[in-house]
Protein backbone atom coordinates (compact mmCIF):
# COMPACT_ATOMS: atom_id res chain seq x y z
CA UNK A 1 -14.00 6.91 -56.61
CA UNK A 2 -13.03 10.63 -56.08
CA UNK A 3 -12.57 11.18 -59.53
CA UNK A 4 -15.68 9.49 -60.66
CA UNK A 5 -17.94 11.69 -58.08
CA UNK A 6 -16.18 14.14 -56.23
CA UNK A 7 -18.88 15.49 -53.82
CA UNK A 8 -19.40 11.79 -52.61
CA UNK A 9 -16.21 10.97 -51.84
CA UNK A 10 -15.90 14.39 -50.25
CA UNK A 11 -18.77 13.65 -47.68
CA UNK A 12 -17.27 10.21 -47.35
CA UNK A 13 -14.33 11.64 -46.03
CA UNK A 14 -16.17 13.80 -43.89
CA UNK A 15 -17.78 10.83 -42.49
CA UNK A 16 -14.77 9.00 -41.76
CA UNK A 17 -13.19 11.61 -40.18
CA UNK A 18 -15.86 11.83 -37.67
CA UNK A 19 -16.18 8.11 -37.35
CA UNK A 20 -12.52 8.33 -36.58
CA UNK A 21 -12.64 11.48 -34.21
CA UNK A 22 -15.47 9.34 -32.06
CA UNK A 23 -12.88 5.95 -32.16
CA UNK A 24 -9.68 7.96 -30.88
CA UNK A 25 -11.63 9.35 -28.09
CA UNK A 26 -12.82 5.45 -27.22
CA UNK A 27 -9.51 4.73 -27.37
CA UNK A 28 -8.15 7.56 -25.17
CA UNK A 29 -10.85 5.99 -22.46
CA UNK A 30 -9.54 2.54 -23.08
CA UNK A 31 -5.88 3.50 -22.58
CA UNK A 32 -6.52 5.74 -19.67
CA UNK A 33 -9.17 2.43 -17.98
CA UNK A 34 -12.08 4.80 -17.81
CA UNK A 35 -14.48 2.77 -19.62
CA UNK A 36 -15.79 -0.17 -17.49
CA UNK A 37 -15.67 -2.85 -20.44
CA UNK A 38 -12.26 -2.03 -21.70
CA UNK A 39 -10.63 -5.73 -22.11
CA UNK A 40 -14.10 -6.33 -24.01
CA UNK A 41 -13.98 -4.16 -26.82
CA UNK A 42 -10.54 -3.29 -27.07
CA UNK A 43 -9.37 -5.45 -29.75
CA UNK A 44 -12.49 -4.74 -32.35
CA UNK A 45 -11.50 -0.95 -31.40
CA UNK A 46 -8.07 -0.73 -32.20
CA UNK A 47 -8.37 -2.69 -35.51
CA UNK A 48 -10.93 -0.35 -36.40
CA UNK A 49 -9.77 2.80 -35.80
CA UNK A 50 -6.21 1.59 -37.71
CA UNK A 51 -8.54 0.63 -40.61
CA UNK A 52 -10.01 4.01 -40.45
CA UNK A 53 -6.89 5.69 -40.27
CA UNK A 54 -5.35 3.53 -43.53
CA UNK A 55 -8.23 4.73 -44.94
CA UNK A 56 -7.82 8.42 -44.54
CA UNK A 57 -4.19 8.13 -45.60
CA UNK A 58 -2.91 8.37 -41.67
CA UNK A 59 -0.52 5.42 -42.01
CA UNK A 60 1.76 7.10 -38.98
CA UNK A 61 -0.88 7.18 -36.47
CA UNK A 62 -2.39 3.89 -37.61
CA UNK A 63 0.95 2.37 -36.99
CA UNK A 64 0.56 4.08 -33.51
CA UNK A 65 -2.68 2.65 -32.76
CA UNK A 66 -2.00 -1.16 -33.76
CA UNK A 67 1.00 -0.67 -31.47
CA UNK A 68 -1.15 0.79 -28.55
CA UNK A 69 -3.22 -2.40 -29.14
CA UNK A 70 -0.40 -4.46 -28.96
CA UNK A 71 0.35 -3.23 -25.96
CA UNK A 72 -2.86 -3.11 -24.25
């Protein structure tokens, strides 16, 4: 997609980066147990964040997220 429509690709990258940051913040809340519903949303959050990180090419960070999900 980046070669065919670079502007759209940049917009998608920016959107995914913003989404990743929101999920990272939620992950930190879960890990520190600040979220009152942590056990309900943990699995989906960790899986979605890892998928976003893989999309962004952050495989090492995705591996960390997956490991945190297993340890949670």
